[in-house]
Each structure stands twice: as C-alpha cells, then as structure tokens.
Amino acid sequence: MTTTADRMDERGGELDSCELQFRQFGARRAFAGRVRTVRCADDNVLVRRVLEEPGAGRVLVVDGGGSLRTALFGDVMAGLAARNGWEGVVINGAVRDAATLAGIDVGVKALGSQPRRSGKAGIGEADVTVSFGGATFRPGAELWSDEDGVVVTR
C-alpha cells in the first residue's frame, strides 16, 4: 500500500493533509476509502445510523468539533462498522472502550478517549462538507490514513 507520505510527495497539489495529531485506536493501522461525513456535537445518533448502512469500503469522517467531553464512538459501533464493511472512522473528537477497539478489524483515528457516553438526541448533519485540521472532507472524496496521518483529495 502506498503511504500517505508517498501520496503527498506524488500528488501533494491535489491533496489536503489533516494537521491534527490523531491517535490510532482500531486494529487496522492503515485504511483508505471514499468519504461519508457526519457533523455532530456530543451526540452520536447520526454516527450510528450511518454505520448501520453498508460501508462498501468507505471511511466515515465525524466532525465532533474537537470535543473531548463525550465519546462519539466505542466498541459497539466499531463492531457494527466492521460487520457492515466500513474501512475506518476518523473522528475529530473522542472515543471510548480504547482497549477493546484495538482488537476490532476497522481503522479508528480520534483525538483521544473519554469514558463518558454521548447524548442521544439525534442532533447533527450527515453527508455535508466538514473541515478541521486544515483539511476539508467532502462526501465522495478519497481518503488515506496510516501512521503518518490522514490525507484527502480536494
């Protein structure tokens, strides 16, 4: 697999590189796919709804506004994502169940972990353009993630 560093060397003018220093949580250390998005604040109902759909090799990008107050993703959702064919999840926010996530065959990148669960009001938006860390994530864009970071087509 071509690394994110190699992709930036070859196609840097076509790619955004996310500047956030994500932590790796899932068993897949490298993953890639077409982007789907969710924007939500301390509420993960839409995240789950999207992950209940067939992933078809896609990556879910969740803009939680960088909040570490509550976890937007945990072991139950990771299992759901793996069973439904999602390659990975990139979260501008927190996860929980970190030790268990390490054994589930899906890529998971997030800012950190937080044991507090999120709200369940269903507030947020799906399939919208989101931006964080100097990168813009549009539904349908191509994303690559590995130990060096996350890059996405413009």
Protein backbone atom coordinates (compact mmCIF):
# COMPACT_ATOMS: atom_id res chain seq x y z
CA MET A 1 0.00 0.00 0.00
CA THR A 2 1.28 3.46 -0.86
CA THR A 3 1.86 5.50 2.30
CA THR A 4 0.31 8.89 2.98
CA ALA A 5 3.81 10.42 2.78
CA ASP A 6 4.32 8.92 -0.69
CA ARG A 7 0.89 10.18 -1.78
CA MET A 8 1.76 13.70 -0.62
CA ASP A 9 5.08 13.52 -2.50
CA GLU A 10 3.35 12.36 -5.69
CA ARG A 11 0.04 14.27 -5.55
CA GLY A 12 0.51 16.99 -2.93
CA GLY A 13 -1.18 19.63 -5.06
CA GLU A 14 -4.35 17.55 -5.20
CA LEU A 15 -4.50 16.60 -1.52
CA ASP A 16 -5.18 18.13 1.88
CA SER A 17 -3.20 16.79 4.83
CA CYS A 18 -5.01 16.92 8.17
CA GLU A 19 -2.77 18.63 10.73
CA LEU A 20 -4.45 17.15 13.81
CA GLN A 21 -2.34 14.66 15.72
CA PHE A 22 -4.78 11.77 15.90
CA ARG A 23 -4.27 8.65 17.99
CA GLN A 24 -4.76 5.19 16.46
CA PHE A 25 -7.41 3.07 18.17
CA GLY A 26 -8.61 0.34 15.76
CA ALA A 27 -6.88 -2.86 14.69
CA ARG A 28 -6.34 -1.53 11.15
CA ARG A 29 -3.35 0.78 11.25
CA ALA A 30 -3.78 1.84 7.61
CA PHE A 31 -7.05 2.27 5.75
CA ALA A 32 -8.49 4.09 2.75
CA GLY A 33 -11.80 4.69 1.03
CA ARG A 34 -14.40 7.15 -0.19
CA VAL A 35 -15.62 9.63 2.42
CA ARG A 36 -19.00 9.89 4.13
CA THR A 37 -19.41 12.58 6.76
CA VAL A 38 -21.29 13.40 9.93
CA ARG A 39 -21.17 16.67 11.87
CA CYS A 40 -22.41 16.40 15.45
CA ALA A 41 -21.73 17.82 18.90
CA ASP A 42 -21.63 15.40 21.83
CA ASP A 43 -24.38 13.30 20.21
CA ASN A 44 -23.65 10.10 18.26
CA VAL A 45 -27.08 9.03 16.99
CA LEU A 46 -26.26 10.02 13.38
CA VAL A 47 -22.88 8.28 13.58
CA ARG A 48 -24.62 5.02 14.43
CA ARG A 49 -27.29 5.50 11.73
CA VAL A 50 -24.64 5.91 9.05
CA LEU A 51 -22.61 2.92 10.30
CA GLU A 52 -25.75 0.76 10.18
CA GLU A 53 -25.67 1.18 6.39
CA PRO A 54 -23.40 -0.94 4.18
CA GLY A 55 -19.96 0.66 4.24
CA ALA A 56 -18.87 -0.63 0.83
CA GLY A 57 -15.24 0.11 1.71
CA ARG A 58 -15.87 3.72 2.72
CA VAL A 59 -14.47 5.83 5.57
CA LEU A 60 -16.71 7.79 7.90
CA VAL A 61 -15.35 11.21 8.87
CA VAL A 62 -17.00 12.60 12.01
CA ASP A 63 -16.60 16.25 12.94
CA GLY A 64 -17.35 16.41 16.63
CA GLY A 65 -15.90 19.91 16.88
CA GLY A 66 -12.81 18.60 18.66
CA SER A 67 -14.82 17.95 21.81
CA LEU A 68 -13.35 15.58 24.37
CA ARG A 69 -16.37 15.95 26.72
CA THR A 70 -18.09 12.78 25.48
CA ALA A 71 -17.21 9.79 23.31
CA LEU A 72 -18.80 9.71 19.87
CA PHE A 73 -17.67 6.14 19.11
CA GLY A 74 -16.99 2.94 21.05
CA ASP A 75 -16.69 -0.82 20.79
CA VAL A 76 -20.33 -1.47 19.84
CA MET A 77 -20.14 0.95 16.91
CA ALA A 78 -16.73 -0.38 15.89
CA GLY A 79 -18.18 -3.89 15.70
CA LEU A 80 -21.08 -2.54 13.65
CA ALA A 81 -18.67 -0.75 11.29
CA ALA A 82 -16.55 -3.88 10.83
CA ARG A 83 -19.56 -6.12 10.16
CA ASN A 84 -21.01 -3.64 7.65
CA GLY A 85 -17.86 -3.27 5.56
CA TRP A 86 -16.54 0.14 6.65
CA GLU A 87 -12.78 0.58 6.24
CA GLY A 88 -12.41 3.11 9.02
CA VAL A 89 -13.59 6.08 11.00
CA VAL A 90 -11.79 9.41 11.54
CA ILE A 91 -13.17 11.37 14.48
CA ASN A 92 -12.50 14.98 15.38
CA GLY A 93 -13.47 14.11 18.93
CA ALA A 94 -13.22 11.25 21.42
CA VAL A 95 -13.82 7.50 21.53
CA ARG A 96 -14.27 5.11 24.44
CA ASP A 97 -13.53 1.42 25.03
CA ALA A 98 -9.99 2.05 23.77
CA ALA A 99 -8.56 -1.34 24.78
CA THR A 100 -11.37 -3.22 23.02
CA LEU A 101 -11.16 -1.05 19.87
CA ALA A 102 -7.57 -2.24 19.37
CA GLY A 103 -8.88 -5.74 18.61
CA ILE A 104 -11.65 -4.83 16.16
CA ASP A 105 -10.82 -5.02 12.44
CA VAL A 106 -11.60 -1.45 11.47
CA GLY A 107 -9.44 1.66 11.32
CA VAL A 108 -10.17 4.22 14.04
CA LYS A 109 -8.46 7.57 14.47
CA ALA A 110 -9.57 10.09 17.07
CA LEU A 111 -8.19 12.88 19.22
CA GLY A 112 -8.40 10.89 22.44
CA SER A 113 -10.56 8.79 24.70
CA GLN A 114 -13.30 9.65 27.20
CA PRO A 115 -15.40 7.16 29.18
CA ARG A 116 -18.50 9.42 29.21
CA ARG A 117 -21.11 8.44 26.62
CA SER A 118 -22.59 11.00 24.26
CA GLY A 119 -26.11 12.36 24.09
CA LYS A 120 -28.82 10.57 22.11
CA ALA A 121 -30.96 13.40 20.74
CA GLY A 122 -30.06 12.80 17.09
CA ILE A 123 -28.79 16.33 16.55
CA GLY A 124 -26.39 16.85 13.67
CA GLU A 125 -25.99 16.57 9.91
CA ALA A 126 -24.89 13.78 7.59
CA ASP A 127 -23.25 13.98 4.16
CA VAL A 128 -22.12 17.59 4.49
CA THR A 129 -18.69 19.09 3.87
CA VAL A 130 -16.67 19.33 7.09
CA SER A 131 -13.30 20.96 7.75
CA PHE A 132 -10.82 20.53 10.58
CA GLY A 133 -7.05 20.42 10.97
CA GLY A 134 -6.52 22.39 7.77
CA ALA A 135 -8.27 19.72 5.66
CA THR A 136 -11.69 19.69 4.02
CA PHE A 137 -13.61 16.42 3.82
CA ARG A 138 -16.32 16.24 1.17
CA PRO A 139 -18.64 13.28 0.71
CA GLY A 140 -17.20 11.10 -2.06
CA ALA A 141 -13.61 12.37 -1.71
CA GLU A 142 -10.82 9.79 -1.42
CA LEU A 143 -9.13 9.45 1.98
CA TRP A 144 -5.99 7.60 3.04
CA SER A 145 -4.85 7.08 6.62
CA ASP A 146 -1.76 5.47 8.14
CA GLU A 147 0.74 6.01 10.96
CA ASP A 148 1.84 9.32 9.39
CA GLY A 149 -1.58 10.91 9.22
CA VAL A 150 -4.68 11.49 7.11
CA VAL A 151 -4.79 12.85 3.57
CA VAL A 152 -7.84 13.54 1.42
CA THR A 153 -8.48 14.65 -2.15
CA ARG A 154 -9.55 18.25 -2.60
